[in-house]
C-alpha atoms as a PDB file:
ATOM      1  CA  MET A   1      31.521 -20.410 -10.302  1.00  0.00           C
ATOM      2  CA  ALA A   2      27.759 -20.986 -10.551  1.00  0.00           C
ATOM      3  CA  GLN A   3      28.001 -23.719  -7.942  1.00  0.00           C
ATOM      4  CA  ARG A   4      29.836 -21.442  -5.531  1.00  0.00           C
ATOM      5  CA  HIS A   5      27.218 -18.703  -6.082  1.00  0.00           C
ATOM      6  CA  SER A   6      24.390 -21.173  -5.474  1.00  0.00           C
ATOM      7  CA  SER A   7      26.075 -22.472  -2.332  1.00  0.00           C
ATOM      8  CA  GLY A   8      26.496 -18.924  -1.042  1.00  0.00           C
ATOM      9  CA  ARG A   9      22.817 -18.223  -1.574  1.00  0.00           C
ATOM     10  CA  LEU A  10      21.861 -21.394   0.324  1.00  0.00           C
ATOM     11  CA  VAL A  11      24.088 -20.500   3.265  1.00  0.00           C
ATOM     12  CA  SER A  12      22.742 -16.960   3.232  1.00  0.00           C
ATOM     13  CA  HIS A  13      19.180 -18.296   3.383  1.00  0.00           C
ATOM     14  CA  GLU A  14      20.137 -20.616   6.246  1.00  0.00           C
ATOM     15  CA  LEU A  15      21.779 -17.716   8.059  1.00  0.00           C
ATOM     16  CA  LEU A  16      18.654 -15.579   7.770  1.00  0.00           C
ATOM     17  CA  GLU A  17      16.463 -18.432   8.988  1.00  0.00           C
ATOM     18  CA  HIS A  18      18.596 -19.024  12.081  1.00  0.00           C
ATOM     19  CA  ALA A  19      18.874 -15.317  12.838  1.00  0.00           C
ATOM     20  CA  ALA A  20      15.137 -14.804  12.352  1.00  0.00           C
ATOM     21  CA  ARG A  21      14.282 -17.543  14.861  1.00  0.00           C
ATOM     22  CA  LEU A  22      16.728 -16.162  17.425  1.00  0.00           C
ATOM     23  CA  PHE A  23      15.598 -12.559  17.005  1.00  0.00           C
ATOM     24  CA  ALA A  24      11.948 -13.620  17.257  1.00  0.00           C
ATOM     25  CA  ARG A  25      12.581 -15.672  20.401  1.00  0.00           C
ATOM     26  CA  GLN A  26      15.181 -13.553  22.209  1.00  0.00           C
ATOM     27  CA  GLY A  27      14.737 -10.146  20.601  1.00  0.00           C
ATOM     28  CA  TYR A  28      17.307  -8.368  18.469  1.00  0.00           C
ATOM     29  CA  ALA A  29      19.062  -6.756  21.435  1.00  0.00           C
ATOM     30  CA  GLY A  30      19.136 -10.057  23.332  1.00  0.00           C
ATOM     31  CA  THR A  31      20.801 -12.007  20.515  1.00  0.00           C
ATOM     32  CA  SER A  32      24.563 -11.907  20.102  1.00  0.00           C
ATOM     33  CA  PHE A  33      26.655 -12.550  17.024  1.00  0.00           C
ATOM     34  CA  GLN A  34      28.004 -15.608  18.810  1.00  0.00           C
ATOM     35  CA  ASP A  35      24.442 -16.904  19.380  1.00  0.00           C
ATOM     36  CA  ILE A  36      23.863 -16.859  15.637  1.00  0.00           C
ATOM     37  CA  ALA A  37      27.136 -18.655  14.923  1.00  0.00           C
ATOM     38  CA  ASP A  38      26.346 -21.285  17.578  1.00  0.00           C
ATOM     39  CA  SER A  39      22.860 -21.908  16.172  1.00  0.00           C
ATOM     40  CA  MET A  40      24.391 -22.577  12.758  1.00  0.00           C
ATOM     41  CA  GLY A  41      27.092 -24.830  14.172  1.00  0.00           C
ATOM     42  CA  ILE A  42      29.938 -22.687  12.871  1.00  0.00           C
ATOM     43  CA  SER A  43      32.592 -20.502  14.477  1.00  0.00           C
ATOM     44  CA  ARG A  44      32.230 -16.769  14.947  1.00  0.00           C
ATOM     45  CA  SER A  45      35.101 -16.193  12.503  1.00  0.00           C
ATOM     46  CA  ALA A  46      33.347 -18.339   9.894  1.00  0.00           C
ATOM     47  CA  LEU A  47      30.178 -16.252  10.289  1.00  0.00           C
ATOM     48  CA  TYR A  48      32.203 -13.146   9.440  1.00  0.00           C
ATOM     49  CA  HIS A  49      32.740 -14.699   6.018  1.00  0.00           C
ATOM     50  CA  TYR A  50      29.088 -13.935   5.244  1.00  0.00           C
ATOM     51  CA  VAL A  51      28.218 -10.829   7.306  1.00  0.00           C
ATOM     52  CA  SER A  52      30.056  -8.177   9.271  1.00  0.00           C
ATOM     53  CA  ASN A  53      27.618  -7.644  12.159  1.00  0.00           C
ATOM     54  CA  LYS A  54      24.073  -8.139  13.450  1.00  0.00           C
ATOM     55  CA  GLU A  55      22.837  -4.951  11.789  1.00  0.00           C
ATOM     56  CA  GLU A  56      23.720  -6.343   8.380  1.00  0.00           C
ATOM     57  CA  ILE A  57      21.627  -9.440   9.106  1.00  0.00           C
ATOM     58  CA  LEU A  58      18.696  -7.383  10.368  1.00  0.00           C
ATOM     59  CA  ALA A  59      18.849  -5.109   7.336  1.00  0.00           C
ATOM     60  CA  ALA A  60      18.754  -8.171   5.074  1.00  0.00           C
ATOM     61  CA  LEU A  61      15.716  -9.489   6.939  1.00  0.00           C
ATOM     62  CA  VAL A  62      13.915  -6.135   6.650  1.00  0.00           C
ATOM     63  CA  ARG A  63      14.529  -6.142   2.899  1.00  0.00           C
ATOM     64  CA  ASP A  64      13.534  -9.780   2.611  1.00  0.00           C
ATOM     65  CA  VAL A  65      10.204  -9.230   4.380  1.00  0.00           C
ATOM     66  CA  LEU A  66       9.071  -5.845   3.100  1.00  0.00           C
ATOM     67  CA  GLU A  67      10.750  -5.531  -0.265  1.00  0.00           C
ATOM     68  CA  ARG A  68       9.149  -8.801  -1.339  1.00  0.00           C
ATOM     69  CA  VAL A  69       5.736  -7.236  -0.655  1.00  0.00           C
ATOM     70  CA  VAL A  70       6.764  -4.162  -2.638  1.00  0.00           C
ATOM     71  CA  GLU A  71       7.775  -6.447  -5.521  1.00  0.00           C
ATOM     72  CA  ILE A  72       4.396  -8.197  -5.374  1.00  0.00           C
ATOM     73  CA  LEU A  73       2.521  -4.894  -5.553  1.00  0.00           C
ATOM     74  CA  GLU A  74       4.685  -3.539  -8.362  1.00  0.00           C
ATOM     75  CA  GLU A  75       4.239  -6.731 -10.372  1.00  0.00           C
ATOM     76  CA  VAL A  76       0.455  -6.687  -9.904  1.00  0.00           C
ATOM     77  CA  THR A  77       0.233  -2.966 -10.719  1.00  0.00           C
ATOM     78  CA  ALA A  78       1.819  -3.724 -14.096  1.00  0.00           C
ATOM     79  CA  ARG A  79      -0.843  -6.357 -14.921  1.00  0.00           C
ATOM     80  CA  THR A  80      -2.810  -4.443 -17.551  1.00  0.00           C
ATOM     81  CA  ASP A  81      -4.568  -7.672 -18.523  1.00  0.00           C
ATOM     82  CA  LEU A  82      -6.562  -7.586 -15.278  1.00  0.00           C
ATOM     83  CA  ALA A  83      -9.465  -5.381 -14.244  1.00  0.00           C
ATOM     84  CA  GLU A  84      -8.847  -2.937 -11.408  1.00  0.00           C
ATOM     85  CA  ASP A  85     -10.667  -4.959  -8.746  1.00  0.00           C
ATOM     86  CA  GLU A  86      -8.915  -8.132  -9.936  1.00  0.00           C
ATOM     87  CA  ARG A  87      -5.549  -6.469  -9.367  1.00  0.00           C
ATOM     88  CA  VAL A  88      -6.493  -5.646  -5.778  1.00  0.00           C
ATOM     89  CA  ALA A  89      -7.660  -9.221  -5.194  1.00  0.00           C
ATOM     90  CA  LEU A  90      -4.498 -10.703  -6.694  1.00  0.00           C
ATOM     91  CA  ALA A  91      -2.197  -8.368  -4.753  1.00  0.00           C
ATOM     92  CA  LEU A  92      -3.900  -9.115  -1.446  1.00  0.00           C
ATOM     93  CA  HIS A  93      -3.922 -12.848  -2.167  1.00  0.00           C
ATOM     94  CA  ARG A  94      -0.197 -12.919  -2.901  1.00  0.00           C
ATOM     95  CA  ILE A  95       0.663 -10.804   0.161  1.00  0.00           C
ATOM     96  CA  ILE A  96      -1.319 -13.121   2.449  1.00  0.00           C
ATOM     97  CA  VAL A  97       0.361 -16.205   0.994  1.00  0.00           C
ATOM     98  CA  ASN A  98       3.774 -14.552   1.359  1.00  0.00           C
ATOM     99  CA  ASN A  99       3.113 -13.668   5.014  1.00  0.00           C
ATOM    100  CA  ALA A 100       1.716 -17.123   5.788  1.00  0.00           C
ATOM    101  CA  ARG A 101       4.853 -18.766   4.416  1.00  0.00           C
ATOM    102  CA  ASN A 102       7.228 -16.405   6.247  1.00  0.00           C
ATOM    103  CA  THR A 103       5.633 -16.094   9.677  1.00  0.00           C
ATOM    104  CA  THR A 104       8.872 -16.224  11.681  1.00  0.00           C
ATOM    105  CA  ARG A 105      10.547 -13.446   9.725  1.00  0.00           C
ATOM    106  CA  PHE A 106       7.457 -11.262   9.786  1.00  0.00           C
ATOM    107  CA  ARG A 107       6.956 -11.659  13.539  1.00  0.00           C
ATOM    108  CA  LEU A 108      10.592 -10.916  14.286  1.00  0.00           C
ATOM    109  CA  LEU A 109      10.414  -7.703  12.270  1.00  0.00           C
ATOM    110  CA  ASP A 110       7.295  -6.616  14.129  1.00  0.00           C
ATOM    111  CA  ARG A 111       8.807  -7.421  17.531  1.00  0.00           C
ATOM    112  CA  SER A 112      12.170  -5.846  16.718  1.00  0.00           C
ATOM    113  CA  GLU A 113      10.776  -2.560  15.390  1.00  0.00           C
ATOM    114  CA  PRO A 114      11.504  -0.561  18.595  1.00  0.00           C
ATOM    115  CA  ASP A 115      15.127  -1.814  18.583  1.00  0.00           C
ATOM    116  CA  LEU A 116      15.920  -1.110  14.942  1.00  0.00           C
ATOM    117  CA  PRO A 117      19.058   0.999  14.412  1.00  0.00           C
ATOM    118  CA  ASP A 118      18.285   4.377  12.822  1.00  0.00           C
ATOM    119  CA  GLU A 119      19.393   3.466   9.300  1.00  0.00           C
ATOM    120  CA  ILE A 120      17.434   0.213   9.287  1.00  0.00           C
ATOM    121  CA  ALA A 121      14.423   1.884  10.912  1.00  0.00           C
ATOM    122  CA  GLU A 122      14.359   4.405   8.059  1.00  0.00           C
ATOM    123  CA  LEU A 123      14.607   1.566   5.529  1.00  0.00           C
ATOM    124  CA  HIS A 124      11.674  -0.084   7.301  1.00  0.00           C
ATOM    125  CA  ARG A 125       9.582   3.116   7.237  1.00  0.00           C
ATOM    126  CA  GLN A 126      10.262   3.734   3.555  1.00  0.00           C
ATOM    127  CA  ALA A 127       9.279   0.208   2.594  1.00  0.00           C
ATOM    128  CA  ARG A 128       6.078   0.372   4.653  1.00  0.00           C
ATOM    129  CA  ARG A 129       5.130   3.693   3.067  1.00  0.00           C
ATOM    130  CA  ARG A 130       5.792   2.250  -0.382  1.00  0.00           C
ATOM    131  CA  VAL A 131       3.584  -0.769   0.354  1.00  0.00           C
ATOM    132  CA  LEU A 132       0.727   1.426   1.575  1.00  0.00           C
ATOM    133  CA  ASP A 133       1.051   3.843  -1.361  1.00  0.00           C
ATOM    134  CA  LEU A 134       0.994   1.052  -3.928  1.00  0.00           C
ATOM    135  CA  LEU A 135      -2.005  -0.741  -2.440  1.00  0.00           C
ATOM    136  CA  SER A 136      -3.881   2.539  -1.881  1.00  0.00           C
ATOM    137  CA  THR A 137      -3.375   3.366  -5.554  1.00  0.00           C
ATOM    138  CA  LEU A 138      -4.705  -0.041  -6.611  1.00  0.00           C
ATOM    139  CA  VAL A 139      -7.782   0.435  -4.419  1.00  0.00           C
ATOM    140  CA  ASP A 140      -8.317   3.978  -5.733  1.00  0.00           C
ATOM    141  CA  ASP A 141      -8.099   2.696  -9.300  1.00  0.00           C
ATOM    142  CA  ALA A 142     -10.864   0.207  -8.527  1.00  0.00           C
ATOM    143  CA  ILE A 143     -12.961   3.001  -7.008  1.00  0.00           C
ATOM    144  CA  ARG A 144     -12.494   5.207 -10.073  1.00  0.00           C
ATOM    145  CA  ALA A 145     -13.438   2.292 -12.318  1.00  0.00           C
ATOM    146  CA  GLY A 146     -16.664   1.832 -10.374  1.00  0.00           C
ATOM    147  CA  SER A 147     -15.762  -1.642  -9.086  1.00  0.00           C
ATOM    148  CA  PHE A 148     -15.420  -0.495  -5.460  1.00  0.00           C
ATOM    149  CA  ARG A 149     -17.578   1.817  -3.425  1.00  0.00           C
ATOM    150  CA  PRO A 150     -16.155   5.344  -2.941  1.00  0.00           C
ATOM    151  CA  VAL A 151     -14.572   4.581   0.404  1.00  0.00           C
ATOM    152  CA  PRO A 152     -11.322   6.262   1.510  1.00  0.00           C
ATOM    153  CA  ALA A 153      -8.705   4.321  -0.448  1.00  0.00           C
ATOM    154  CA  ARG A 154      -6.008   4.630   2.227  1.00  0.00           C
ATOM    155  CA  THR A 155      -8.369   3.390   4.946  1.00  0.00           C
ATOM    156  CA  ALA A 156      -9.403   0.408   2.843  1.00  0.00           C
ATOM    157  CA  ALA A 157      -5.772  -0.389   2.048  1.00  0.00           C
ATOM    158  CA  LEU A 158      -4.792  -0.231   5.715  1.00  0.00           C
ATOM    159  CA  GLY A 159      -7.629  -2.585   6.592  1.00  0.00           C
ATOM    160  CA  MET A 160      -6.515  -5.057   3.947  1.00  0.00           C
ATOM    161  CA  LEU A 161      -2.897  -4.882   5.095  1.00  0.00           C
ATOM    162  CA  GLY A 162      -4.015  -5.398   8.689  1.00  0.00           C
ATOM    163  CA  THR A 163      -5.781  -8.593   7.640  1.00  0.00           C
ATOM    164  CA  ALA A 164      -2.736  -9.773   5.694  1.00  0.00           C
ATOM    165  CA  ASN A 165      -0.203  -8.900   8.387  1.00  0.00           C
ATOM    166  CA  TRP A 166      -2.115 -10.472  11.260  1.00  0.00           C
ATOM    167  CA  VAL A 167      -1.934 -13.816   9.453  1.00  0.00           C
ATOM    168  CA  ALA A 168       1.721 -14.100  10.495  1.00  0.00           C
ATOM    169  CA  TRP A 169       0.673 -14.216  14.151  1.00  0.00           C
ATOM    170  CA  TRP A 170      -1.997 -16.887  14.037  1.00  0.00           C
ATOM    171  CA  TYR A 171      -1.552 -18.985  10.879  1.00  0.00           C
ATOM    172  CA  ARG A 172      -0.447 -22.584  11.418  1.00  0.00           C
ATOM    173  CA  PRO A 173      -0.437 -24.921   8.405  1.00  0.00           C
ATOM    174  CA  ASP A 174      -1.417 -27.963  10.469  1.00  0.00           C
ATOM    175  CA  HIS A 175      -4.481 -26.164  11.847  1.00  0.00           C
ATOM    176  CA  ASP A 176      -5.458 -23.624   9.197  1.00  0.00           C
ATOM    177  CA  GLY A 177      -4.811 -25.530   5.986  1.00  0.00           C
ATOM    178  CA  ASP A 178      -3.092 -24.549   2.784  1.00  0.00           C
ATOM    179  CA  ALA A 179      -1.899 -20.937   2.505  1.00  0.00           C
ATOM    180  CA  GLU A 180      -3.472 -20.517  -0.937  1.00  0.00           C
ATOM    181  CA  GLU A 181      -6.902 -21.622   0.297  1.00  0.00           C
ATOM    182  CA  LEU A 182      -6.573 -19.428   3.372  1.00  0.00           C
ATOM    183  CA  ALA A 183      -5.728 -16.434   1.179  1.00  0.00           C
ATOM    184  CA  ALA A 184      -8.734 -17.050  -1.068  1.00  0.00           C
ATOM    185  CA  THR A 185     -11.061 -17.023   1.944  1.00  0.00           C
ATOM    186  CA  LEU A 186      -9.574 -13.865   3.464  1.00  0.00           C
ATOM    187  CA  VAL A 187      -9.576 -12.005   0.143  1.00  0.00           C
ATOM    188  CA  ASP A 188     -13.272 -12.813  -0.351  1.00  0.00           C
ATOM    189  CA  MET A 189     -14.034 -11.501   3.133  1.00  0.00           C
ATOM    190  CA  ALA A 190     -11.977  -8.338   2.644  1.00  0.00           C
ATOM    191  CA  LEU A 191     -13.511  -7.456  -0.713  1.00  0.00           C
ATOM    192  CA  VAL A 192     -17.088  -7.808   0.516  1.00  0.00           C
ATOM    193  CA  GLY A 193     -16.575  -4.594   2.465  1.00  0.00           C
ATOM    194  CA  VAL A 194     -15.577  -2.524  -0.570  1.00  0.00           C
ATOM    195  CA  GLN A 195     -17.486  -4.021  -3.482  1.00  0.00           C
ATOM    196  CA  ARG A 196     -20.383  -1.996  -4.845  1.00  0.00           C
ATOM    197  CA  SER A 197     -23.924  -3.050  -3.988  1.00  0.00           C
ATOM    198  CA  GLY A 198     -24.555  -4.583  -7.384  1.00  0.00           C
ATOM    199  CA  ASP A 199     -21.739  -7.051  -6.758  1.00  0.00           C
ATOM    200  CA  ARG A 200     -22.987  -8.103  -3.321  1.00  0.00           C
ATOM    201  CA  ARG A 201     -26.101  -9.780  -1.959  1.00  0.00           C
ATOM    202  CA  VAL A 202     -28.252  -7.060  -0.429  1.00  0.00           C
ATOM    203  CA  ASP A 203     -31.693  -7.102   1.112  1.00  0.00           C
ATOM    204  CA  PRO A 204     -34.379  -5.902  -1.283  1.00  0.00           C
ATOM    205  CA  GLY A 205     -36.584  -2.958  -0.423  1.00  0.00           C
ATOM    206  CA  PRO A 206     -36.476   0.833  -0.317  1.00  0.00           C
ATOM    207  CA  TRP A 207     -33.512   1.101   2.073  1.00  0.00           C
ATOM    208  CA  ALA A 208     -31.359  -0.953  -0.273  1.00  0.00           C
ATOM    209  CA  ALA A 209     -32.358   1.364  -3.127  1.00  0.00           C
ATOM    210  CA  VAL A 210     -31.454   4.427  -1.050  1.00  0.00           C
ATOM    211  CA  ALA A 211     -28.076   2.909  -0.154  1.00  0.00           C
ATOM    212  CA  ARG A 212     -27.398   2.175  -3.818  1.00  0.00           C
ATOM    213  CA  LEU A 213     -28.380   5.727  -4.794  1.00  0.00           C
ATOM    214  CA  LYS A 214     -25.981   7.156  -2.194  1.00  0.00           C
ATOM    215  CA  GLU A 215     -23.196   5.028  -3.597  1.00  0.00           C
ATOM    216  CA  GLU A 216     -23.931   6.220  -7.134  1.00  0.00           C
ATOM    217  CA  LEU A 217     -23.923   9.877  -6.042  1.00  0.00           C
ATOM    218  CA  ALA A 218     -20.702   9.451  -4.076  1.00  0.00           C
ATOM    219  CA  HIS A 219     -19.064   7.771  -7.062  1.00  0.00           C
ATOM    220  CA  LEU A 220     -20.243  10.594  -9.348  1.00  0.00           C
ATOM    221  CA  GLU A 221     -18.851  13.216  -6.952  1.00  0.00           C
ATOM    222  CA  HIS A 222     -15.549  11.321  -6.822  1.00  0.00           C
ATOM    223  CA  SER A 223     -15.349  11.269 -10.630  1.00  0.00           C
ATOM    224  CA  LEU A 224     -16.276  14.938 -10.987  1.00  0.00           C
ATOM    225  CA  ALA A 225     -13.660  15.932  -8.420  1.00  0.00           C
ATOM    226  CA  ASP A 226     -11.015  14.166 -10.517  1.00  0.00           C
ATOM    227  CA  THR A 227     -12.208  15.797 -13.731  1.00  0.00           C
ATOM    228  CA  HIS A 228     -12.674  19.307 -12.304  1.00  0.00           C
ATOM    229  CA  PRO A 229     -10.252  19.811  -9.404  1.00  0.00           C
ATOM    230  CA  GLU A 230     -10.802  22.780  -7.123  1.00  0.00           C
ATOM    231  CA  PRO A 231      -8.751  25.902  -7.889  1.00  0.00           C
ATOM    232  CA  GLY A 232      -5.355  25.688  -6.241  1.00  0.00           C
ATOM    233  CA  SER A 233      -5.619  21.938  -5.591  1.00  0.00           C
ATOM    234  CA  GLY A 234      -3.099  21.076  -8.297  1.00  0.00           C
END
């Protein structure tokens, strides 16, 4: 029984890979069920043994791409052994590596977004919102801890996701090297923009002191707003 289950998983993975390449090249609307069967070298009736229609395949690809990112963020959020800024760095690193190793699937999802059936489109929107909410919360935690400057957490999270998502469009292992090394470089670059002045190289002089003072005041205001919310805000 275990062997049959393992075999089914392998075929399912192969099916998703073939469908992803076809959808990315021809578009979801331009790819038929028969095209997918032909690319796998099986009959249309044999393909029905695994899926009922194209929508089922697309839904599986949406889950495979976005729900994996949700899993990454949920796993990192639970890492109480890490400091707040370390959790952001780890989450972003793992998302970049995931996107770099699944470029075809990510690109097909991006290209197929306008053609998604309503039910799958809603699944896509929910997963994207969940990803943004989780990363925004991680960034906000780092701000509250004083590791990050008091920037808008959602804006910072969107910028980080933009960096991670764009990787799927330009990353090529033969040109850009190992995905892990690439992720380390991009994470360092992304965090420079949010780290507090004391954690970055800054020019000495009065203007640097003023900038640091502004950061301290903004952080204090952020903390006070959390401790003493305005009437009616809760």
